[in-house]
Structures are given as structure tokens and as C-alpha cells.
Amino acid sequence: MTVHTKSGTEFPDSIDGFGVVEIKSYDINGFNISVGYNSKTEIPIALTHYVYPTYNRGQRISFDEHWDEYKKVIINISKEAIFDSEVETKINDIPSKSVKFSYVGGFARKVQPLHSYFYLFETKDWFIKLRVTFPAEFKEGAEKEISQYLQSLPTPLLKFIH
């Protein structure tokens, strides 16, 4: 179990068929971190959680402003990215926004058609961003695994929201 001490977020070594593969800190004080998980099944799915403050240099960043900026980042990932959907949703009663898009990029050591899903949550003074990426050929099975994973989020990972 990894605990982000700044926010209290807990990252179990394994969550519903996904295992931790990488933990990164993006600043020396440990405010901005990510924890990457990979699917343990035959369906290749990479999933990364990012936790970082809603404040930047003393200024609070609004959820909607951050969401709009983040979508611009997505477009820069691939100029040919196709937005499949953007929705406001709730995952186990936690409000979030999500965007699904497809593009061609590197994954599992080859360039191939991919799907990426992004989810953004805000709680207290923290943003939690989730990025899920998988090869397009596995879409049906991947979506089932992702749905199961999202249903398990509040208990082990987002419990500090409530």
C-alpha cells in the first residue's frame, strides 16, 4: 500500500485486477504524484492516477478551468485525436467529468490505434485525474474491465472524498 501523505489518498498494490507498476513524484515536496497500474489480464490496459493540489502558486484553479486546459493537453498528444464523447458523470456518487478519445500512438512497444479515457475528480483541495489507455482492438473487453475498476474506486482510493 502506498499512501500519498499530503492528501491521504491510499493506493493499494492491487485494485480489481490491476497491479501497481510505477509510482512517480513530480515535485520535491511530494504534492504532485502519479501511480500507474496495469491490467493483470490478457487485455492490455494502462491506468494512471494523478493526485495534485487545486492550488498553483497560491491561486485556486477552478474545476472547469482546469478541465478546459486539460482537454487542450489531450489535443496536443495527437493532432489527429478524435473526441468520442465528453460527459459529466458520477462514479459511485462522486461527481466527475470524463472524455473519451481515440488516436494512433505508441503502446505495448508498437504504434497502433488506441483509446484513452480521462476522468477528473475534485475533492477538498485536490484534483484526482485518471487516465486509461488501451489498444482499440480490445475495446469491448477493456471497457468491461474499466467499468469494474471504476466501481471499486471510492473504497480503496477515493475514500477521503466523503
N, C-alpha and C. Protein backbone atom coordinates (compact mmCIF):
# COMPACT_ATOMS: atom_id res chain seq x y z
N MET A 1 0.85 -1.18 0.00
CA MET A 1 0.00 0.00 0.00
C MET A 1 0.89 1.23 0.00
N THR A 2 0.60 2.14 -0.92
CA THR A 2 1.28 3.43 -0.96
C THR A 2 0.29 4.49 -0.51
N VAL A 3 0.71 5.38 0.36
CA VAL A 3 -0.16 6.46 0.83
C VAL A 3 0.45 7.79 0.44
N HIS A 4 -0.34 8.62 -0.25
CA HIS A 4 0.07 9.99 -0.55
C HIS A 4 -0.24 10.79 0.71
N THR A 5 0.79 11.04 1.50
CA THR A 5 0.58 11.63 2.82
C THR A 5 -0.01 13.03 2.77
N LYS A 6 0.24 13.77 1.70
CA LYS A 6 -0.28 15.14 1.60
C LYS A 6 -1.80 15.16 1.51
N SER A 7 -2.38 14.23 0.74
CA SER A 7 -3.83 14.21 0.54
C SER A 7 -4.54 13.12 1.33
N GLY A 8 -3.78 12.12 1.76
CA GLY A 8 -4.39 10.98 2.44
C GLY A 8 -4.87 9.90 1.50
N THR A 9 -4.61 10.05 0.21
CA THR A 9 -5.05 9.07 -0.78
C THR A 9 -4.26 7.78 -0.62
N GLU A 10 -4.97 6.66 -0.59
CA GLU A 10 -4.33 5.36 -0.47
C GLU A 10 -4.34 4.66 -1.82
N PHE A 11 -3.20 4.10 -2.19
CA PHE A 11 -3.06 3.35 -3.43
C PHE A 11 -2.67 1.91 -3.10
N PRO A 12 -3.63 1.00 -3.09
CA PRO A 12 -3.30 -0.40 -2.83
C PRO A 12 -2.38 -0.95 -3.92
N ASP A 13 -1.64 -2.00 -3.58
CA ASP A 13 -0.76 -2.62 -4.56
C ASP A 13 -1.54 -3.25 -5.71
N SER A 14 -2.79 -3.59 -5.45
CA SER A 14 -3.64 -4.20 -6.46
C SER A 14 -5.07 -3.72 -6.25
N ILE A 15 -5.73 -3.37 -7.35
CA ILE A 15 -7.13 -2.96 -7.30
C ILE A 15 -7.87 -3.67 -8.42
N ASP A 16 -8.78 -4.55 -8.07
CA ASP A 16 -9.69 -5.20 -9.01
C ASP A 16 -9.00 -5.64 -10.31
N GLY A 17 -7.96 -6.43 -10.21
CA GLY A 17 -7.30 -6.97 -11.39
C GLY A 17 -6.22 -6.10 -11.99
N PHE A 18 -5.90 -4.99 -11.34
CA PHE A 18 -4.84 -4.10 -11.81
C PHE A 18 -3.76 -4.04 -10.73
N GLY A 19 -2.49 -4.11 -11.15
CA GLY A 19 -1.39 -4.05 -10.20
C GLY A 19 -0.51 -2.84 -10.43
N VAL A 20 0.05 -2.30 -9.35
CA VAL A 20 0.93 -1.13 -9.44
C VAL A 20 2.18 -1.48 -10.25
N VAL A 21 2.54 -0.58 -11.17
CA VAL A 21 3.77 -0.75 -11.95
C VAL A 21 4.74 0.40 -11.76
N GLU A 22 4.23 1.57 -11.35
CA GLU A 22 5.13 2.72 -11.22
C GLU A 22 4.52 3.78 -10.31
N ILE A 23 5.35 4.37 -9.47
CA ILE A 23 4.96 5.49 -8.62
C ILE A 23 5.92 6.63 -8.92
N LYS A 24 5.37 7.81 -9.22
CA LYS A 24 6.22 8.97 -9.55
C LYS A 24 5.83 10.17 -8.70
N SER A 25 6.83 10.95 -8.35
CA SER A 25 6.61 12.24 -7.72
C SER A 25 7.11 13.31 -8.68
N TYR A 26 6.33 14.36 -8.87
CA TYR A 26 6.67 15.38 -9.85
C TYR A 26 7.22 16.66 -9.23
N ASP A 27 7.33 16.68 -7.90
CA ASP A 27 7.91 17.84 -7.24
C ASP A 27 8.62 17.37 -5.97
N ILE A 28 9.56 18.17 -5.50
CA ILE A 28 10.39 17.74 -4.37
C ILE A 28 9.62 17.63 -3.06
N ASN A 29 8.49 18.32 -2.96
CA ASN A 29 7.70 18.28 -1.73
C ASN A 29 6.65 17.17 -1.72
N GLY A 30 6.51 16.46 -2.83
CA GLY A 30 5.58 15.34 -2.88
C GLY A 30 4.12 15.71 -3.00
N PHE A 31 3.81 16.90 -3.49
CA PHE A 31 2.41 17.27 -3.67
C PHE A 31 1.80 16.65 -4.93
N ASN A 32 2.57 16.57 -6.00
CA ASN A 32 2.10 16.06 -7.29
C ASN A 32 2.66 14.66 -7.51
N ILE A 33 1.77 13.67 -7.52
CA ILE A 33 2.25 12.30 -7.72
C ILE A 33 1.37 11.57 -8.73
N SER A 34 1.88 10.45 -9.20
CA SER A 34 1.06 9.54 -10.00
C SER A 34 1.39 8.11 -9.60
N VAL A 35 0.40 7.27 -9.75
CA VAL A 35 0.57 5.85 -9.51
C VAL A 35 -0.01 5.13 -10.72
N GLY A 36 0.84 4.36 -11.39
CA GLY A 36 0.42 3.63 -12.58
C GLY A 36 0.07 2.19 -12.26
N TYR A 37 -0.98 1.71 -12.88
CA TYR A 37 -1.43 0.33 -12.75
C TYR A 37 -1.54 -0.28 -14.14
N ASN A 38 -1.27 -1.56 -14.25
CA ASN A 38 -1.52 -2.30 -15.49
C ASN A 38 -2.47 -3.44 -15.19
N SER A 39 -3.27 -3.78 -16.18
CA SER A 39 -4.18 -4.90 -16.04
C SER A 39 -3.39 -6.19 -15.91
N LYS A 40 -3.87 -7.08 -15.07
CA LYS A 40 -3.23 -8.38 -14.90
C LYS A 40 -3.86 -9.43 -15.82
N THR A 41 -4.81 -9.03 -16.64
CA THR A 41 -5.47 -9.96 -17.55
C THR A 41 -4.79 -9.91 -18.91
N GLU A 42 -5.34 -10.67 -19.85
CA GLU A 42 -4.78 -10.69 -21.21
C GLU A 42 -5.11 -9.42 -21.99
N ILE A 43 -5.98 -8.58 -21.46
CA ILE A 43 -6.32 -7.32 -22.13
C ILE A 43 -5.35 -6.25 -21.65
N PRO A 44 -4.53 -5.70 -22.54
CA PRO A 44 -3.54 -4.70 -22.12
C PRO A 44 -4.19 -3.33 -21.85
N ILE A 45 -4.22 -2.96 -20.59
CA ILE A 45 -4.79 -1.67 -20.18
C ILE A 45 -3.80 -1.00 -19.24
N ALA A 46 -3.44 0.23 -19.55
CA ALA A 46 -2.60 1.03 -18.66
C ALA A 46 -3.47 2.09 -18.01
N LEU A 47 -3.34 2.24 -16.71
CA LEU A 47 -4.20 3.13 -15.95
C LEU A 47 -3.31 3.93 -15.00
N THR A 48 -3.43 5.24 -15.03
CA THR A 48 -2.60 6.08 -14.16
C THR A 48 -3.46 7.06 -13.38
N HIS A 49 -3.25 7.09 -12.07
CA HIS A 49 -3.90 8.07 -11.19
C HIS A 49 -2.92 9.20 -10.92
N TYR A 50 -3.39 10.42 -11.02
CA TYR A 50 -2.60 11.60 -10.69
C TYR A 50 -3.30 12.31 -9.54
N VAL A 51 -2.57 12.71 -8.53
CA VAL A 51 -3.11 13.48 -7.42
C VAL A 51 -2.26 14.72 -7.28
N TYR A 52 -2.93 15.89 -7.27
CA TYR A 52 -2.20 17.16 -7.18
C TYR A 52 -3.14 18.23 -6.65
N PRO A 53 -2.57 19.29 -6.06
CA PRO A 53 -3.39 20.33 -5.42
C PRO A 53 -4.23 21.13 -6.42
N THR A 54 -5.33 21.64 -5.91
CA THR A 54 -6.18 22.54 -6.72
C THR A 54 -5.62 23.95 -6.72
N TYR A 55 -4.50 24.14 -6.05
CA TYR A 55 -3.87 25.46 -5.99
C TYR A 55 -2.56 25.44 -6.77
N ASN A 56 -2.27 26.53 -7.46
CA ASN A 56 -1.00 26.70 -8.15
C ASN A 56 -0.48 28.09 -7.83
N ARG A 57 0.66 28.13 -7.17
CA ARG A 57 1.28 29.41 -6.76
C ARG A 57 0.30 30.28 -5.96
N GLY A 58 -0.42 29.63 -5.07
CA GLY A 58 -1.33 30.36 -4.19
C GLY A 58 -2.69 30.68 -4.78
N GLN A 59 -2.89 30.40 -6.05
CA GLN A 59 -4.16 30.68 -6.72
C GLN A 59 -4.95 29.38 -6.90
N ARG A 60 -6.20 29.41 -6.48
CA ARG A 60 -7.06 28.24 -6.67
C ARG A 60 -7.43 28.12 -8.15
N ILE A 61 -7.34 26.91 -8.65
CA ILE A 61 -7.71 26.62 -10.03
C ILE A 61 -9.13 26.05 -10.00
N SER A 62 -10.04 26.63 -10.76
CA SER A 62 -11.41 26.11 -10.77
C SER A 62 -11.44 24.78 -11.53
N PHE A 63 -12.37 23.95 -11.16
CA PHE A 63 -12.52 22.65 -11.80
C PHE A 63 -12.73 22.82 -13.30
N ASP A 64 -13.66 23.69 -13.69
CA ASP A 64 -13.97 23.86 -15.11
C ASP A 64 -12.80 24.44 -15.89
N GLU A 65 -12.09 25.39 -15.29
CA GLU A 65 -10.91 25.96 -15.95
C GLU A 65 -9.84 24.89 -16.15
N HIS A 66 -9.63 24.08 -15.13
CA HIS A 66 -8.64 23.01 -15.23
C HIS A 66 -9.06 21.98 -16.29
N TRP A 67 -10.34 21.65 -16.31
CA TRP A 67 -10.84 20.68 -17.29
C TRP A 67 -10.61 21.19 -18.72
N ASP A 68 -10.92 22.45 -18.97
CA ASP A 68 -10.72 23.02 -20.31
C ASP A 68 -9.25 23.01 -20.70
N GLU A 69 -8.37 23.35 -19.77
CA GLU A 69 -6.93 23.32 -20.05
C GLU A 69 -6.47 21.90 -20.33
N TYR A 70 -7.00 20.97 -19.60
CA TYR A 70 -6.59 19.59 -19.77
C TYR A 70 -7.00 19.04 -21.13
N LYS A 71 -8.16 19.43 -21.61
CA LYS A 71 -8.58 18.98 -22.94
C LYS A 71 -7.62 19.50 -24.01
N LYS A 72 -7.08 20.69 -23.83
CA LYS A 72 -6.09 21.22 -24.77
C LYS A 72 -4.84 20.35 -24.77
N VAL A 73 -4.45 19.87 -23.60
CA VAL A 73 -3.30 18.98 -23.50
C VAL A 73 -3.56 17.70 -24.29
N ILE A 74 -4.77 17.18 -24.18
CA ILE A 74 -5.13 15.97 -24.91
C ILE A 74 -4.95 16.17 -26.41
N ILE A 75 -5.41 17.30 -26.91
CA ILE A 75 -5.28 17.58 -28.34
C ILE A 75 -3.81 17.59 -28.75
N ASN A 76 -2.94 18.08 -27.87
CA ASN A 76 -1.51 18.11 -28.18
C ASN A 76 -0.86 16.74 -28.16
N ILE A 77 -1.50 15.76 -27.53
CA ILE A 77 -0.96 14.40 -27.55
C ILE A 77 -0.90 13.90 -28.98
N SER A 78 -1.96 14.12 -29.70
CA SER A 78 -2.01 13.72 -31.10
C SER A 78 -2.92 14.70 -31.83
N LYS A 79 -2.38 15.33 -32.83
CA LYS A 79 -3.17 16.29 -33.60
C LYS A 79 -4.35 15.61 -34.28
N GLU A 80 -4.27 14.30 -34.46
CA GLU A 80 -5.35 13.56 -35.11
C GLU A 80 -6.32 12.94 -34.10
N ALA A 81 -6.21 13.31 -32.84
CA ALA A 81 -7.10 12.74 -31.82
C ALA A 81 -8.55 13.03 -32.17
N ILE A 82 -9.37 12.02 -32.03
CA ILE A 82 -10.81 12.14 -32.30
C ILE A 82 -11.54 12.02 -30.96
N PHE A 83 -12.28 13.07 -30.61
CA PHE A 83 -13.05 13.03 -29.37
C PHE A 83 -14.31 12.21 -29.60
N ASP A 84 -14.45 11.16 -28.83
CA ASP A 84 -15.61 10.28 -28.96
C ASP A 84 -16.76 10.73 -28.08
N SER A 85 -16.45 11.22 -26.89
CA SER A 85 -17.51 11.70 -26.00
C SER A 85 -16.91 12.50 -24.86
N GLU A 86 -17.74 13.38 -24.33
CA GLU A 86 -17.38 14.15 -23.13
C GLU A 86 -18.64 14.24 -22.29
N VAL A 87 -18.54 13.80 -21.04
CA VAL A 87 -19.73 13.79 -20.19
C VAL A 87 -19.41 14.18 -18.76
N GLU A 88 -20.41 14.74 -18.11
CA GLU A 88 -20.36 14.89 -16.66
C GLU A 88 -21.00 13.63 -16.11
N THR A 89 -20.37 13.05 -15.13
CA THR A 89 -20.85 11.77 -14.64
C THR A 89 -20.62 11.66 -13.15
N LYS A 90 -21.10 10.59 -12.59
CA LYS A 90 -20.81 10.27 -11.20
C LYS A 90 -20.29 8.84 -11.18
N ILE A 91 -19.23 8.66 -10.44
CA ILE A 91 -18.71 7.32 -10.24
C ILE A 91 -18.88 7.03 -8.76
N ASN A 92 -19.81 6.12 -8.47
CA ASN A 92 -20.18 5.83 -7.08
C ASN A 92 -20.49 7.10 -6.31
N ASP A 93 -21.33 7.93 -6.90
CA ASP A 93 -21.82 9.18 -6.31
C ASP A 93 -20.77 10.28 -6.20
N ILE A 94 -19.62 10.12 -6.82
CA ILE A 94 -18.59 11.16 -6.82
C ILE A 94 -18.67 11.90 -8.15
N PRO A 95 -18.97 13.20 -8.15
CA PRO A 95 -19.06 13.95 -9.41
C PRO A 95 -17.72 13.98 -10.13
N SER A 96 -17.78 13.83 -11.44
CA SER A 96 -16.56 13.90 -12.25
C SER A 96 -16.94 14.29 -13.67
N LYS A 97 -15.92 14.60 -14.44
CA LYS A 97 -16.08 14.78 -15.88
C LYS A 97 -15.18 13.76 -16.54
N SER A 98 -15.61 13.32 -17.71
CA SER A 98 -14.78 12.37 -18.44
C SER A 98 -14.82 12.69 -19.92
N VAL A 99 -13.75 12.32 -20.58
CA VAL A 99 -13.66 12.46 -22.02
C VAL A 99 -13.05 11.18 -22.56
N LYS A 100 -13.60 10.72 -23.67
CA LYS A 100 -13.08 9.54 -24.34
C LYS A 100 -12.63 9.98 -25.73
N PHE A 101 -11.45 9.53 -26.12
CA PHE A 101 -10.97 9.87 -27.45
C PHE A 101 -10.11 8.75 -27.99
N SER A 102 -9.90 8.79 -29.29
CA SER A 102 -9.08 7.78 -29.95
C SER A 102 -8.00 8.46 -30.77
N TYR A 103 -6.90 7.77 -30.93
CA TYR A 103 -5.76 8.30 -31.69
C TYR A 103 -4.82 7.14 -32.00
N VAL A 104 -3.81 7.40 -32.79
CA VAL A 104 -2.78 6.41 -33.07
C VAL A 104 -1.55 6.81 -32.28
N GLY A 105 -0.99 5.87 -31.54
CA GLY A 105 0.17 6.18 -30.71
C GLY A 105 0.89 4.93 -30.27
N GLY A 106 1.96 5.12 -29.52
CA GLY A 106 2.74 4.00 -29.03
C GLY A 106 2.14 3.39 -27.78
N PHE A 107 2.05 2.07 -27.78
CA PHE A 107 1.53 1.33 -26.62
C PHE A 107 2.00 -0.11 -26.76
N ALA A 108 2.50 -0.69 -25.70
CA ALA A 108 2.98 -2.07 -25.71
C ALA A 108 4.00 -2.30 -26.81
N ARG A 109 4.91 -1.36 -26.92
CA ARG A 109 6.06 -1.43 -27.84
C ARG A 109 5.70 -1.40 -29.32
N LYS A 110 4.51 -0.86 -29.65
CA LYS A 110 4.21 -0.68 -31.07
C LYS A 110 3.24 0.48 -31.26
N VAL A 111 3.27 1.05 -32.45
CA VAL A 111 2.35 2.12 -32.81
C VAL A 111 1.07 1.46 -33.30
N GLN A 112 -0.06 1.90 -32.73
CA GLN A 112 -1.34 1.25 -33.05
C GLN A 112 -2.49 2.18 -32.70
N PRO A 113 -3.70 1.88 -33.20
CA PRO A 113 -4.88 2.65 -32.81
C PRO A 113 -5.17 2.43 -31.32
N LEU A 114 -5.43 3.53 -30.61
CA LEU A 114 -5.66 3.48 -29.17
C LEU A 114 -6.93 4.21 -28.78
N HIS A 115 -7.44 3.84 -27.63
CA HIS A 115 -8.49 4.60 -26.96
C HIS A 115 -7.92 5.08 -25.64
N SER A 116 -8.21 6.31 -25.28
CA SER A 116 -7.84 6.85 -23.97
C SER A 116 -9.06 7.50 -23.35
N TYR A 117 -9.23 7.25 -22.07
CA TYR A 117 -10.32 7.82 -21.31
C TYR A 117 -9.70 8.61 -20.16
N PHE A 118 -10.19 9.81 -19.95
CA PHE A 118 -9.73 10.65 -18.85
C PHE A 118 -10.91 10.97 -17.95
N TYR A 119 -10.66 10.91 -16.67
CA TYR A 119 -11.66 11.26 -15.66
C TYR A 119 -11.02 12.28 -14.73
N LEU A 120 -11.79 13.28 -14.33
CA LEU A 120 -11.28 14.28 -13.39
C LEU A 120 -12.26 14.42 -12.24
N PHE A 121 -11.72 14.31 -11.02
CA PHE A 121 -12.47 14.48 -9.79
C PHE A 121 -11.85 15.64 -9.03
N GLU A 122 -12.67 16.29 -8.23
CA GLU A 122 -12.14 17.32 -7.33
C GLU A 122 -12.69 17.05 -5.94
N THR A 123 -11.82 17.12 -4.97
CA THR A 123 -12.24 16.93 -3.60
C THR A 123 -11.39 17.78 -2.67
N LYS A 124 -12.03 18.43 -1.76
CA LYS A 124 -11.33 19.29 -0.82
C LYS A 124 -10.37 20.19 -1.59
N ASP A 125 -9.08 20.03 -1.41
CA ASP A 125 -8.11 20.87 -2.11
C ASP A 125 -7.28 20.08 -3.11
N TRP A 126 -7.85 19.00 -3.65
CA TRP A 126 -7.09 18.11 -4.53
C TRP A 126 -7.85 17.77 -5.79
N PHE A 127 -7.10 17.67 -6.89
CA PHE A 127 -7.62 17.08 -8.11
C PHE A 127 -7.13 15.64 -8.16
N ILE A 128 -7.97 14.77 -8.63
CA ILE A 128 -7.57 13.40 -8.93
C ILE A 128 -7.94 13.16 -10.38
N LYS A 129 -6.93 12.85 -11.15
CA LYS A 129 -7.12 12.62 -12.58
C LYS A 129 -6.79 11.16 -12.84
N LEU A 130 -7.59 10.53 -13.66
CA LEU A 130 -7.38 9.14 -14.02
C LEU A 130 -7.30 9.05 -15.54
N ARG A 131 -6.22 8.46 -16.03
CA ARG A 131 -6.09 8.23 -17.47
C ARG A 131 -6.02 6.73 -17.70
N VAL A 132 -6.83 6.27 -18.64
CA VAL A 132 -6.88 4.86 -19.01
C VAL A 132 -6.61 4.76 -20.50
N THR A 133 -5.67 3.91 -20.90
CA THR A 133 -5.35 3.75 -22.32
C THR A 133 -5.26 2.26 -22.65
N PHE A 134 -5.76 1.92 -23.84
CA PHE A 134 -5.71 0.52 -24.29
C PHE A 134 -5.80 0.48 -25.81
N PRO A 135 -5.31 -0.61 -26.44
CA PRO A 135 -5.41 -0.76 -27.89
C PRO A 135 -6.88 -0.88 -28.32
N ALA A 136 -7.20 -0.24 -29.44
CA ALA A 136 -8.57 -0.21 -29.94
C ALA A 136 -9.14 -1.61 -30.16
N GLU A 137 -8.31 -2.55 -30.54
CA GLU A 137 -8.80 -3.90 -30.83
C GLU A 137 -9.38 -4.59 -29.60
N PHE A 138 -9.10 -4.09 -28.41
CA PHE A 138 -9.58 -4.70 -27.17
C PHE A 138 -10.72 -3.89 -26.53
N LYS A 139 -11.36 -3.02 -27.29
CA LYS A 139 -12.31 -2.06 -26.71
C LYS A 139 -13.40 -2.72 -25.87
N GLU A 140 -14.06 -3.73 -26.40
CA GLU A 140 -15.19 -4.32 -25.67
C GLU A 140 -14.76 -4.89 -24.32
N GLY A 141 -13.74 -5.70 -24.30
CA GLY A 141 -13.26 -6.28 -23.04
C GLY A 141 -12.66 -5.24 -22.11
N ALA A 142 -11.96 -4.27 -22.69
CA ALA A 142 -11.33 -3.23 -21.87
C ALA A 142 -12.39 -2.39 -21.17
N GLU A 143 -13.45 -2.04 -21.88
CA GLU A 143 -14.49 -1.22 -21.25
C GLU A 143 -15.14 -1.94 -20.08
N LYS A 144 -15.30 -3.24 -20.19
CA LYS A 144 -15.86 -4.01 -19.08
C LYS A 144 -14.92 -3.96 -17.87
N GLU A 145 -13.62 -4.18 -18.11
CA GLU A 145 -12.65 -4.13 -17.01
C GLU A 145 -12.57 -2.74 -16.38
N ILE A 146 -12.62 -1.71 -17.22
CA ILE A 146 -12.55 -0.33 -16.72
C ILE A 146 -13.76 -0.02 -15.86
N SER A 147 -14.93 -0.43 -16.32
CA SER A 147 -16.16 -0.21 -15.56
C SER A 147 -16.08 -0.87 -14.19
N GLN A 148 -15.60 -2.09 -14.15
CA GLN A 148 -15.45 -2.79 -12.86
C GLN A 148 -14.45 -2.06 -11.97
N TYR A 149 -13.38 -1.59 -12.56
CA TYR A 149 -12.37 -0.87 -11.79
C TYR A 149 -12.95 0.42 -11.20
N LEU A 150 -13.66 1.18 -12.01
CA LEU A 150 -14.23 2.44 -11.54
C LEU A 150 -15.22 2.22 -10.41
N GLN A 151 -15.96 1.13 -10.46
CA GLN A 151 -16.91 0.84 -9.39
C GLN A 151 -16.21 0.58 -8.07
N SER A 152 -14.94 0.17 -8.12
CA SER A 152 -14.22 -0.14 -6.89
C SER A 152 -13.43 1.05 -6.35
N LEU A 153 -13.40 2.17 -7.07
CA LEU A 153 -12.57 3.30 -6.68
C LEU A 153 -12.85 3.91 -5.30
N PRO A 154 -14.05 4.27 -4.95
CA PRO A 154 -14.25 5.00 -3.70
C PRO A 154 -13.76 4.29 -2.46
N THR A 155 -13.89 2.99 -2.39
CA THR A 155 -13.49 2.31 -1.17
C THR A 155 -11.98 2.37 -0.95
N PRO A 156 -11.15 1.90 -1.89
CA PRO A 156 -9.72 1.91 -1.58
C PRO A 156 -9.00 3.21 -1.90
N LEU A 157 -9.49 3.97 -2.86
CA LEU A 157 -8.68 5.07 -3.36
C LEU A 157 -9.23 6.44 -3.03
N LEU A 158 -10.50 6.62 -3.19
CA LEU A 158 -11.08 7.95 -3.04
C LEU A 158 -11.85 8.11 -1.73
N LYS A 159 -11.56 7.29 -0.74
CA LYS A 159 -12.35 7.31 0.49
C LYS A 159 -12.29 8.63 1.23
N PHE A 160 -11.24 9.41 1.01
CA PHE A 160 -11.11 10.68 1.74
C PHE A 160 -12.03 11.75 1.18
N ILE A 161 -12.70 11.47 0.08
CA ILE A 161 -13.62 12.45 -0.51
C ILE A 161 -14.82 12.68 0.40
N HIS A 162 -15.32 11.62 0.96
CA HIS A 162 -16.57 11.71 1.73
C HIS A 162 -16.37 12.31 3.09
